[in-house]
Amino acid sequence: MLRISIAVFLIATARGGEAKNDHKLIHIPAGTYELGDAAHKLNKPHSFKTPGFSISDAETTNAQFAVFITATGYQTQSEKIGWSLVGGEGSAEWEWRQMAGANWKHPFGPAGPNSADLPQHPVTQICGEDARAYCKWIGGRLPDIDEWEIAARAGAKTSYPWGEAFQPKLTNTWNGINHLHNTREDGFVLTSPVRSYPPNKLGLYDVIGNVFEYCEGHPPWMTTAEATRRICGRGGSWWCSSSCCNFHNLLDIGSMIKTASLPNQGFRVVFD
């Protein structure tokens, strides 16, 4: 793995300028990076060459997404269809319930938390196409699955940015033996404000937990048909636990239907 220097800056477009929508970026230099792991069943060792890119230090927030909506009048998929899937404390494992009125403004339905009251929490209940629309508007794009891994690992060869042993207080994941009850060991049950936990060695926050992060591209094991209708996500989320969706690490690659929305899916932006 290359030794990566940190360059944090604010830009308006991929070419620089005054800050647009308060994105703080980390620069990843050009080079060939060694990714994957021999012990992982699906993410095997492989090389990835990049000309360099810049990636937002945190997941896109409700406040940032609201600026996009105000500027463009964009309507998300869940708003168009009038419902989305929700889950949380008291749910069975892998249980997601259809909820009328659930969308990015009301990620857990009309009776749940309002995103306007959680401006620094990551935006959720957006599908992959919604995330792409935001990225296009701001002059960026979603990261490739390998670009995400380069930035998230920051040179680490372990399962987590801090080492091989999971430490629940260093990230927002599910605390408890099941989803019927959360012990709140990390301080949150659902999403947490971005930058609530220590960053990785490059200065990226929430690469593990909080929300899954949409990525472009697909791993070798995914068929062309699956890749056409699905979008990948990395890093795990507040929903993840050792017994349910345990993708809260630097190696696993998840996926979901491109038009689907959930309260544990978000994204960060890349600029070339």
C-alpha atoms as a PDB file:
ATOM      1  CA  MET A   1       0.000   0.000   0.000  1.00  0.00           C
ATOM      2  CA  LEU A   2       1.333   3.445  -0.858  1.00  0.00           C
ATOM      3  CA  ARG A   3       2.030   5.876   1.933  1.00  0.00           C
ATOM      4  CA  ILE A   4      -0.675   8.507   1.488  1.00  0.00           C
ATOM      5  CA  SER A   5      -0.298  12.118   2.501  1.00  0.00           C
ATOM      6  CA  ILE A   6      -3.313  14.017   3.763  1.00  0.00           C
ATOM      7  CA  ALA A   7      -4.565  17.057   1.871  1.00  0.00           C
ATOM      8  CA  VAL A   8      -7.810  18.392   3.265  1.00  0.00           C
ATOM      9  CA  PHE A   9      -9.461  21.207   1.358  1.00  0.00           C
ATOM     10  CA  LEU A  10     -12.773  22.672   0.245  1.00  0.00           C
ATOM     11  CA  ILE A  11     -13.795  22.895  -3.406  1.00  0.00           C
ATOM     12  CA  ALA A  12     -16.732  23.941  -5.522  1.00  0.00           C
ATOM     13  CA  THR A  13     -16.133  21.592  -8.437  1.00  0.00           C
ATOM     14  CA  ALA A  14     -13.608  18.949  -9.366  1.00  0.00           C
ATOM     15  CA  ARG A  15     -11.280  21.742 -10.515  1.00  0.00           C
ATOM     16  CA  GLY A  16     -11.337  23.642  -7.263  1.00  0.00           C
ATOM     17  CA  GLY A  17     -12.644  27.048  -6.307  1.00  0.00           C
ATOM     18  CA  GLU A  18     -14.729  28.350  -3.461  1.00  0.00           C
ATOM     19  CA  ALA A  19     -16.386  25.793  -1.239  1.00  0.00           C
ATOM     20  CA  LYS A  20     -19.668  24.369  -2.492  1.00  0.00           C
ATOM     21  CA  ASN A  21     -22.091  22.875  -0.018  1.00  0.00           C
ATOM     22  CA  ASP A  22     -19.453  22.517   2.685  1.00  0.00           C
ATOM     23  CA  HIS A  23     -17.760  19.327   1.514  1.00  0.00           C
ATOM     24  CA  LYS A  24     -14.325  18.759   3.045  1.00  0.00           C
ATOM     25  CA  LEU A  25     -12.164  16.598   0.821  1.00  0.00           C
ATOM     26  CA  ILE A  26      -9.250  14.244   1.326  1.00  0.00           C
ATOM     27  CA  HIS A  27      -6.867  13.854  -1.610  1.00  0.00           C
ATOM     28  CA  ILE A  28      -5.789  10.341  -2.589  1.00  0.00           C
ATOM     29  CA  PRO A  29      -2.630  10.458  -4.736  1.00  0.00           C
ATOM     30  CA  ALA A  30      -2.054   8.564  -7.967  1.00  0.00           C
ATOM     31  CA  GLY A  31      -0.612   5.087  -7.665  1.00  0.00           C
ATOM     32  CA  THR A  32      -1.255   1.366  -7.651  1.00  0.00           C
ATOM     33  CA  TYR A  33      -2.819   0.054  -4.458  1.00  0.00           C
ATOM     34  CA  GLU A  34      -3.040  -3.504  -3.162  1.00  0.00           C
ATOM     35  CA  LEU A  35      -6.546  -4.325  -1.949  1.00  0.00           C
ATOM     36  CA  GLY A  36      -8.580  -7.289  -0.736  1.00  0.00           C
ATOM     37  CA  ASP A  37      -7.308 -10.078   1.505  1.00  0.00           C
ATOM     38  CA  ALA A  38      -6.299 -13.701   0.930  1.00  0.00           C
ATOM     39  CA  ALA A  39      -8.498 -14.845   3.816  1.00  0.00           C
ATOM     40  CA  HIS A  40     -11.627 -13.165   2.468  1.00  0.00           C
ATOM     41  CA  LYS A  41     -13.881 -15.466   0.451  1.00  0.00           C
ATOM     42  CA  LEU A  42     -15.030 -12.817  -2.028  1.00  0.00           C
ATOM     43  CA  ASN A  43     -12.701  -9.802  -1.855  1.00  0.00           C
ATOM     44  CA  LYS A  44      -9.504 -11.536  -2.921  1.00  0.00           C
ATOM     45  CA  PRO A  45      -6.126  -9.748  -3.230  1.00  0.00           C
ATOM     46  CA  HIS A  46      -6.028  -7.490  -6.279  1.00  0.00           C
ATOM     47  CA  SER A  47      -4.326  -4.338  -7.520  1.00  0.00           C
ATOM     48  CA  PHE A  48      -6.069  -1.104  -8.420  1.00  0.00           C
ATOM     49  CA  LYS A  49      -4.384   1.741 -10.286  1.00  0.00           C
ATOM     50  CA  THR A  50      -5.734   5.279  -9.925  1.00  0.00           C
ATOM     51  CA  PRO A  51      -4.703   8.657 -11.369  1.00  0.00           C
ATOM     52  CA  GLY A  52      -5.703  10.129  -8.016  1.00  0.00           C
ATOM     53  CA  PHE A  53      -8.959  11.525  -6.702  1.00  0.00           C
ATOM     54  CA  SER A  54     -10.456  13.479  -3.828  1.00  0.00           C
ATOM     55  CA  ILE A  55     -13.141  12.068  -1.541  1.00  0.00           C
ATOM     56  CA  SER A  56     -15.352  13.766   1.044  1.00  0.00           C
ATOM     57  CA  ASP A  57     -14.177  13.216   4.601  1.00  0.00           C
ATOM     58  CA  ALA A  58     -17.723  12.442   5.784  1.00  0.00           C
ATOM     59  CA  GLU A  59     -20.996  11.084   4.493  1.00  0.00           C
ATOM     60  CA  THR A  60     -23.343  13.557   2.795  1.00  0.00           C
ATOM     61  CA  THR A  61     -25.622  15.088   5.411  1.00  0.00           C
ATOM     62  CA  ASN A  62     -29.307  15.929   5.566  1.00  0.00           C
ATOM     63  CA  ALA A  63     -28.384  19.629   5.481  1.00  0.00           C
ATOM     64  CA  GLN A  64     -26.278  19.219   2.347  1.00  0.00           C
ATOM     65  CA  PHE A  65     -28.939  17.166   0.591  1.00  0.00           C
ATOM     66  CA  ALA A  66     -31.581  19.743   1.499  1.00  0.00           C
ATOM     67  CA  VAL A  67     -29.559  22.434  -0.299  1.00  0.00           C
ATOM     68  CA  PHE A  68     -29.559  20.242  -3.408  1.00  0.00           C
ATOM     69  CA  ILE A  69     -33.326  19.723  -3.216  1.00  0.00           C
ATOM     70  CA  THR A  70     -33.973  23.441  -2.773  1.00  0.00           C
ATOM     71  CA  ALA A  71     -31.697  24.343  -5.678  1.00  0.00           C
ATOM     72  CA  THR A  72     -33.034  21.775  -8.142  1.00  0.00           C
ATOM     73  CA  GLY A  73     -36.529  20.741  -7.048  1.00  0.00           C
ATOM     74  CA  TYR A  74     -35.395  17.133  -7.350  1.00  0.00           C
ATOM     75  CA  GLN A  75     -37.796  14.477  -6.090  1.00  0.00           C
ATOM     76  CA  THR A  76     -36.354  11.258  -4.702  1.00  0.00           C
ATOM     77  CA  GLN A  77     -37.593   7.791  -5.607  1.00  0.00           C
ATOM     78  CA  SER A  78     -39.249   7.204  -2.228  1.00  0.00           C
ATOM     79  CA  GLU A  79     -41.063  10.545  -2.508  1.00  0.00           C
ATOM     80  CA  LYS A  80     -42.346   9.601  -5.957  1.00  0.00           C
ATOM     81  CA  ILE A  81     -43.752   6.244  -4.889  1.00  0.00           C
ATOM     82  CA  GLY A  82     -44.968   7.477  -1.493  1.00  0.00           C
ATOM     83  CA  TRP A  83     -43.327   4.876   0.751  1.00  0.00           C
ATOM     84  CA  SER A  84     -40.094   3.194   1.732  1.00  0.00           C
ATOM     85  CA  LEU A  85     -38.777   0.502   4.074  1.00  0.00           C
ATOM     86  CA  VAL A  86     -38.011   1.151   7.738  1.00  0.00           C
ATOM     87  CA  GLY A  87     -36.604  -0.770  10.688  1.00  0.00           C
ATOM     88  CA  GLY A  88     -35.055  -0.193  14.074  1.00  0.00           C
ATOM     89  CA  GLU A  89     -35.257  -1.245  17.692  1.00  0.00           C
ATOM     90  CA  GLY A  90     -37.919  -3.902  18.215  1.00  0.00           C
ATOM     91  CA  SER A  91     -37.496  -5.378  14.746  1.00  0.00           C
ATOM     92  CA  ALA A  92     -36.750  -8.991  13.982  1.00  0.00           C
ATOM     93  CA  GLU A  93     -33.432  -9.760  12.339  1.00  0.00           C
ATOM     94  CA  TRP A  94     -33.432  -8.598   8.705  1.00  0.00           C
ATOM     95  CA  GLU A  95     -36.946  -7.150   9.149  1.00  0.00           C
ATOM     96  CA  TRP A  96     -37.730  -4.091   7.031  1.00  0.00           C
ATOM     97  CA  ARG A  97     -41.323  -2.853   7.024  1.00  0.00           C
ATOM     98  CA  GLN A  98     -43.051  -0.855   4.304  1.00  0.00           C
ATOM     99  CA  MET A  99     -43.954   2.585   5.668  1.00  0.00           C
ATOM    100  CA  ALA A 100     -46.126   5.167   3.896  1.00  0.00           C
ATOM    101  CA  GLY A 101     -44.524   8.612   3.960  1.00  0.00           C
ATOM    102  CA  ALA A 102     -41.017   7.359   4.691  1.00  0.00           C
ATOM    103  CA  ASN A 103     -38.486   9.337   2.651  1.00  0.00           C
ATOM    104  CA  TRP A 104     -35.318  11.399   3.164  1.00  0.00           C
ATOM    105  CA  LYS A 105     -37.292  14.036   5.100  1.00  0.00           C
ATOM    106  CA  HIS A 106     -38.850  11.393   7.362  1.00  0.00           C
ATOM    107  CA  PRO A 107     -36.458   8.422   7.205  1.00  0.00           C
ATOM    108  CA  PHE A 108     -38.476   6.330   9.672  1.00  0.00           C
ATOM    109  CA  GLY A 109     -41.893   7.547   8.618  1.00  0.00           C
ATOM    110  CA  PRO A 110     -43.987  10.622   9.515  1.00  0.00           C
ATOM    111  CA  ALA A 111     -43.995   9.722  13.228  1.00  0.00           C
ATOM    112  CA  GLY A 112     -40.225   9.276  13.398  1.00  0.00           C
ATOM    113  CA  PRO A 113     -37.273  11.686  13.466  1.00  0.00           C
ATOM    114  CA  ASN A 114     -37.410  14.589  11.014  1.00  0.00           C
ATOM    115  CA  SER A 115     -34.252  15.100   8.954  1.00  0.00           C
ATOM    116  CA  ALA A 116     -34.561  18.870   9.368  1.00  0.00           C
ATOM    117  CA  ASP A 117     -33.967  18.330  13.079  1.00  0.00           C
ATOM    118  CA  LEU A 118     -30.917  16.161  12.327  1.00  0.00           C
ATOM    119  CA  PRO A 119     -28.957  18.375   9.900  1.00  0.00           C
ATOM    120  CA  GLN A 120     -25.567  16.764  10.536  1.00  0.00           C
ATOM    121  CA  HIS A 121     -26.777  13.183  10.326  1.00  0.00           C
ATOM    122  CA  PRO A 122     -26.159  11.393   7.023  1.00  0.00           C
ATOM    123  CA  VAL A 123     -28.992  11.621   4.531  1.00  0.00           C
ATOM    124  CA  THR A 124     -30.790   8.287   4.083  1.00  0.00           C
ATOM    125  CA  GLN A 125     -33.866   6.897   2.318  1.00  0.00           C
ATOM    126  CA  ILE A 126     -32.298   7.752  -1.011  1.00  0.00           C
ATOM    127  CA  CYS A 127     -31.702   5.212  -3.763  1.00  0.00           C
ATOM    128  CA  GLY A 128     -28.562   4.879  -5.851  1.00  0.00           C
ATOM    129  CA  GLU A 129     -29.966   7.084  -8.591  1.00  0.00           C
ATOM    130  CA  ASP A 130     -30.786   9.802  -6.047  1.00  0.00           C
ATOM    131  CA  ALA A 131     -27.195   9.739  -4.820  1.00  0.00           C
ATOM    132  CA  ARG A 132     -25.905   9.941  -8.369  1.00  0.00           C
ATOM    133  CA  ALA A 133     -28.130  12.952  -9.063  1.00  0.00           C
ATOM    134  CA  TYR A 134     -26.669  14.808  -6.073  1.00  0.00           C
ATOM    135  CA  CYS A 135     -23.117  13.975  -7.121  1.00  0.00           C
ATOM    136  CA  LYS A 136     -23.753  15.197 -10.678  1.00  0.00           C
ATOM    137  CA  TRP A 137     -25.253  18.439  -9.381  1.00  0.00           C
ATOM    138  CA  ILE A 138     -22.217  19.190  -7.253  1.00  0.00           C
ATOM    139  CA  GLY A 139     -19.747  18.299  -9.991  1.00  0.00           C
ATOM    140  CA  GLY A 140     -18.587  14.987  -8.561  1.00  0.00           C
ATOM    141  CA  ARG A 141     -19.501  11.305  -8.601  1.00  0.00           C
ATOM    142  CA  LEU A 142     -19.819   8.259  -6.383  1.00  0.00           C
ATOM    143  CA  PRO A 143     -16.592   6.427  -5.546  1.00  0.00           C
ATOM    144  CA  ASP A 144     -15.717   3.168  -7.268  1.00  0.00           C
ATOM    145  CA  ILE A 145     -15.719   0.158  -4.911  1.00  0.00           C
ATOM    146  CA  ASP A 146     -11.906   0.052  -5.052  1.00  0.00           C
ATOM    147  CA  GLU A 147     -11.501   3.804  -4.622  1.00  0.00           C
ATOM    148  CA  TRP A 148     -13.654   3.519  -1.517  1.00  0.00           C
ATOM    149  CA  GLU A 149     -11.438   0.749  -0.152  1.00  0.00           C
ATOM    150  CA  ILE A 150      -8.249   2.726  -0.784  1.00  0.00           C
ATOM    151  CA  ALA A 151      -9.589   5.721   1.121  1.00  0.00           C
ATOM    152  CA  ALA A 152     -11.271   3.724   3.887  1.00  0.00           C
ATOM    153  CA  ARG A 153      -8.306   1.485   4.619  1.00  0.00           C
ATOM    154  CA  ALA A 154      -5.806   4.363   4.634  1.00  0.00           C
ATOM    155  CA  GLY A 155      -3.002   1.836   4.512  1.00  0.00           C
ATOM    156  CA  ALA A 156      -4.522  -0.529   7.075  1.00  0.00           C
ATOM    157  CA  LYS A 157      -4.344  -4.253   6.382  1.00  0.00           C
ATOM    158  CA  THR A 158      -6.783  -5.139   9.152  1.00  0.00           C
ATOM    159  CA  SER A 159     -10.560  -5.598   9.175  1.00  0.00           C
ATOM    160  CA  TYR A 160     -11.104  -2.209  10.818  1.00  0.00           C
ATOM    161  CA  PRO A 161      -9.282   1.127  10.577  1.00  0.00           C
ATOM    162  CA  TRP A 162      -8.058   0.749  14.183  1.00  0.00           C
ATOM    163  CA  GLY A 163      -7.024  -2.926  14.086  1.00  0.00           C
ATOM    164  CA  GLU A 164      -8.287  -6.494  13.864  1.00  0.00           C
ATOM    165  CA  ALA A 165     -10.502  -6.534  16.970  1.00  0.00           C
ATOM    166  CA  PHE A 166     -13.879  -4.793  16.689  1.00  0.00           C
ATOM    167  CA  GLN A 167     -14.373  -1.925  19.164  1.00  0.00           C
ATOM    168  CA  PRO A 168     -18.043  -0.875  19.402  1.00  0.00           C
ATOM    169  CA  LYS A 169     -17.330   2.541  20.881  1.00  0.00           C
ATOM    170  CA  LEU A 170     -15.328   3.598  17.828  1.00  0.00           C
ATOM    171  CA  THR A 171     -18.222   3.478  15.363  1.00  0.00           C
ATOM    172  CA  ASN A 172     -22.008   3.487  15.086  1.00  0.00           C
ATOM    173  CA  THR A 173     -23.261  -0.091  14.681  1.00  0.00           C
ATOM    174  CA  TRP A 174     -25.940  -2.183  16.388  1.00  0.00           C
ATOM    175  CA  ASN A 175     -25.202  -2.913  20.071  1.00  0.00           C
ATOM    176  CA  GLY A 176     -27.033  -5.987  21.316  1.00  0.00           C
ATOM    177  CA  ILE A 177     -27.561  -9.670  20.622  1.00  0.00           C
ATOM    178  CA  ASN A 178     -30.516  -8.906  18.338  1.00  0.00           C
ATOM    179  CA  HIS A 179     -32.590  -5.986  17.052  1.00  0.00           C
ATOM    180  CA  LEU A 180     -35.209  -6.259  19.746  1.00  0.00           C
ATOM    181  CA  HIS A 181     -33.024  -4.156  22.039  1.00  0.00           C
ATOM    182  CA  ASN A 182     -30.007  -1.875  21.599  1.00  0.00           C
ATOM    183  CA  THR A 183     -27.630  -1.531  24.569  1.00  0.00           C
ATOM    184  CA  ARG A 184     -26.546   1.911  23.301  1.00  0.00           C
ATOM    185  CA  GLU A 185     -22.872   1.183  23.945  1.00  0.00           C
ATOM    186  CA  ASP A 186     -21.802   3.495  21.110  1.00  0.00           C
ATOM    187  CA  GLY A 187     -24.246   6.227  22.159  1.00  0.00           C
ATOM    188  CA  PHE A 188     -26.783   5.907  19.350  1.00  0.00           C
ATOM    189  CA  VAL A 189     -29.585   3.603  18.200  1.00  0.00           C
ATOM    190  CA  LEU A 190     -30.153   4.938  14.683  1.00  0.00           C
ATOM    191  CA  THR A 191     -27.903   7.285  12.681  1.00  0.00           C
ATOM    192  CA  SER A 192     -25.372   9.529  14.407  1.00  0.00           C
ATOM    193  CA  PRO A 193     -24.027  12.933  13.337  1.00  0.00           C
ATOM    194  CA  VAL A 194     -21.130  12.602  10.916  1.00  0.00           C
ATOM    195  CA  ARG A 195     -17.687  12.991  12.522  1.00  0.00           C
ATOM    196  CA  SER A 196     -18.958  11.638  15.866  1.00  0.00           C
ATOM    197  CA  TYR A 197     -16.184   9.037  16.076  1.00  0.00           C
ATOM    198  CA  PRO A 198     -12.414   9.135  15.456  1.00  0.00           C
ATOM    199  CA  PRO A 199     -11.393   9.308  11.776  1.00  0.00           C
ATOM    200  CA  ASN A 200      -9.111   6.845  10.027  1.00  0.00           C
ATOM    201  CA  LYS A 201      -5.465   7.717   9.407  1.00  0.00           C
ATOM    202  CA  LEU A 202      -6.358   9.775   6.347  1.00  0.00           C
ATOM    203  CA  GLY A 203      -9.008  11.799   8.118  1.00  0.00           C
ATOM    204  CA  LEU A 204     -12.137  10.052   6.793  1.00  0.00           C
ATOM    205  CA  TYR A 205     -14.987   9.631   9.266  1.00  0.00           C
ATOM    206  CA  ASP A 206     -17.584   6.840   9.421  1.00  0.00           C
ATOM    207  CA  VAL A 207     -15.909   4.513   6.939  1.00  0.00           C
ATOM    208  CA  ILE A 208     -17.233   1.813   9.249  1.00  0.00           C
ATOM    209  CA  GLY A 209     -20.844   2.039  10.435  1.00  0.00           C
ATOM    210  CA  ASN A 210     -23.443   4.828  10.497  1.00  0.00           C
ATOM    211  CA  VAL A 211     -24.680   4.229   6.914  1.00  0.00           C
ATOM    212  CA  PHE A 212     -23.717   1.965   4.036  1.00  0.00           C
ATOM    213  CA  GLU A 213     -22.077   4.055   1.311  1.00  0.00           C
ATOM    214  CA  TYR A 214     -23.114   3.673  -2.324  1.00  0.00           C
ATOM    215  CA  CYS A 215     -20.276   2.874  -4.739  1.00  0.00           C
ATOM    216  CA  GLU A 216     -19.964   2.422  -8.489  1.00  0.00           C
ATOM    217  CA  GLY A 217     -18.636  -0.739 -10.107  1.00  0.00           C
ATOM    218  CA  HIS A 218     -19.153  -4.331  -9.079  1.00  0.00           C
ATOM    219  CA  PRO A 219     -16.923  -7.130  -7.752  1.00  0.00           C
ATOM    220  CA  PRO A 220     -15.920 -10.095  -9.948  1.00  0.00           C
ATOM    221  CA  TRP A 221     -18.404 -12.432  -8.277  1.00  0.00           C
ATOM    222  CA  MET A 222     -21.414 -10.314  -9.258  1.00  0.00           C
ATOM    223  CA  THR A 223     -23.041 -11.340 -12.529  1.00  0.00           C
ATOM    224  CA  THR A 224     -23.677  -8.825 -15.295  1.00  0.00           C
ATOM    225  CA  ALA A 225     -27.423  -9.182 -14.772  1.00  0.00           C
ATOM    226  CA  GLU A 226     -27.072  -8.410 -11.063  1.00  0.00           C
ATOM    227  CA  ALA A 227     -24.784  -5.461 -11.763  1.00  0.00           C
ATOM    228  CA  THR A 228     -27.382  -3.995 -14.117  1.00  0.00           C
ATOM    229  CA  ARG A 229     -30.096  -3.853 -11.464  1.00  0.00           C
ATOM    230  CA  ARG A 230     -28.057  -3.483  -8.260  1.00  0.00           C
ATOM    231  CA  ILE A 231     -25.693  -0.910  -6.753  1.00  0.00           C
ATOM    232  CA  CYS A 232     -22.926  -1.724  -4.303  1.00  0.00           C
ATOM    233  CA  GLY A 233     -22.553  -0.380  -0.784  1.00  0.00           C
ATOM    234  CA  ARG A 234     -19.595  -0.529   1.591  1.00  0.00           C
ATOM    235  CA  GLY A 235     -18.702   0.024   5.232  1.00  0.00           C
ATOM    236  CA  GLY A 236     -21.799  -1.254   7.014  1.00  0.00           C
ATOM    237  CA  SER A 237     -24.265   0.819   9.027  1.00  0.00           C
ATOM    238  CA  TRP A 238     -25.985   1.448  12.349  1.00  0.00           C
ATOM    239  CA  TRP A 239     -28.069  -1.683  11.581  1.00  0.00           C
ATOM    240  CA  CYS A 240     -25.070  -4.018  11.307  1.00  0.00           C
ATOM    241  CA  SER A 241     -24.174  -6.508  14.045  1.00  0.00           C
ATOM    242  CA  SER A 242     -22.237  -9.751  14.266  1.00  0.00           C
ATOM    243  CA  SER A 243     -25.498 -11.693  13.828  1.00  0.00           C
ATOM    244  CA  CYS A 244     -27.164  -9.527  11.163  1.00  0.00           C
ATOM    245  CA  CYS A 245     -25.604  -7.877   8.115  1.00  0.00           C
ATOM    246  CA  ASN A 246     -22.091  -7.957   9.556  1.00  0.00           C
ATOM    247  CA  PHE A 247     -20.569  -5.973   6.686  1.00  0.00           C
ATOM    248  CA  HIS A 248     -19.202  -3.283   9.030  1.00  0.00           C
ATOM    249  CA  ASN A 249     -15.584  -3.761   7.986  1.00  0.00           C
ATOM    250  CA  LEU A 250     -13.086  -2.690   5.321  1.00  0.00           C
ATOM    251  CA  LEU A 251     -13.406  -5.761   3.105  1.00  0.00           C
ATOM    252  CA  ASP A 252     -17.025  -6.804   2.573  1.00  0.00           C
ATOM    253  CA  ILE A 253     -19.026  -5.476  -0.386  1.00  0.00           C
ATOM    254  CA  GLY A 254     -22.810  -5.365  -0.161  1.00  0.00           C
ATOM    255  CA  SER A 255     -25.408  -4.509  -2.789  1.00  0.00           C
ATOM    256  CA  MET A 256     -29.040  -3.526  -3.152  1.00  0.00           C
ATOM    257  CA  ILE A 257     -31.600  -2.796  -5.888  1.00  0.00           C
ATOM    258  CA  LYS A 258     -30.758   0.527  -7.569  1.00  0.00           C
ATOM    259  CA  THR A 259     -34.245   1.961  -7.061  1.00  0.00           C
ATOM    260  CA  ALA A 260     -34.640   0.850  -3.416  1.00  0.00           C
ATOM    261  CA  SER A 261     -34.222   3.121  -0.387  1.00  0.00           C
ATOM    262  CA  LEU A 262     -33.474   2.298   3.251  1.00  0.00           C
ATOM    263  CA  PRO A 263     -32.756   4.295   6.436  1.00  0.00           C
ATOM    264  CA  ASN A 264     -29.219   2.870   6.600  1.00  0.00           C
ATOM    265  CA  GLN A 265     -28.019   3.775   3.095  1.00  0.00           C
ATOM    266  CA  GLY A 266     -26.086   6.938   2.268  1.00  0.00           C
ATOM    267  CA  PHE A 267     -23.063   8.118   0.293  1.00  0.00           C
ATOM    268  CA  ARG A 268     -20.012  10.317   0.077  1.00  0.00           C
ATOM    269  CA  VAL A 269     -18.731  12.208  -2.985  1.00  0.00           C
ATOM    270  CA  VAL A 270     -15.599  11.827  -5.126  1.00  0.00           C
ATOM    271  CA  PHE A 271     -14.061  14.525  -7.328  1.00  0.00           C
ATOM    272  CA  ASP A 272     -11.512  13.822 -10.079  1.00  0.00           C
END
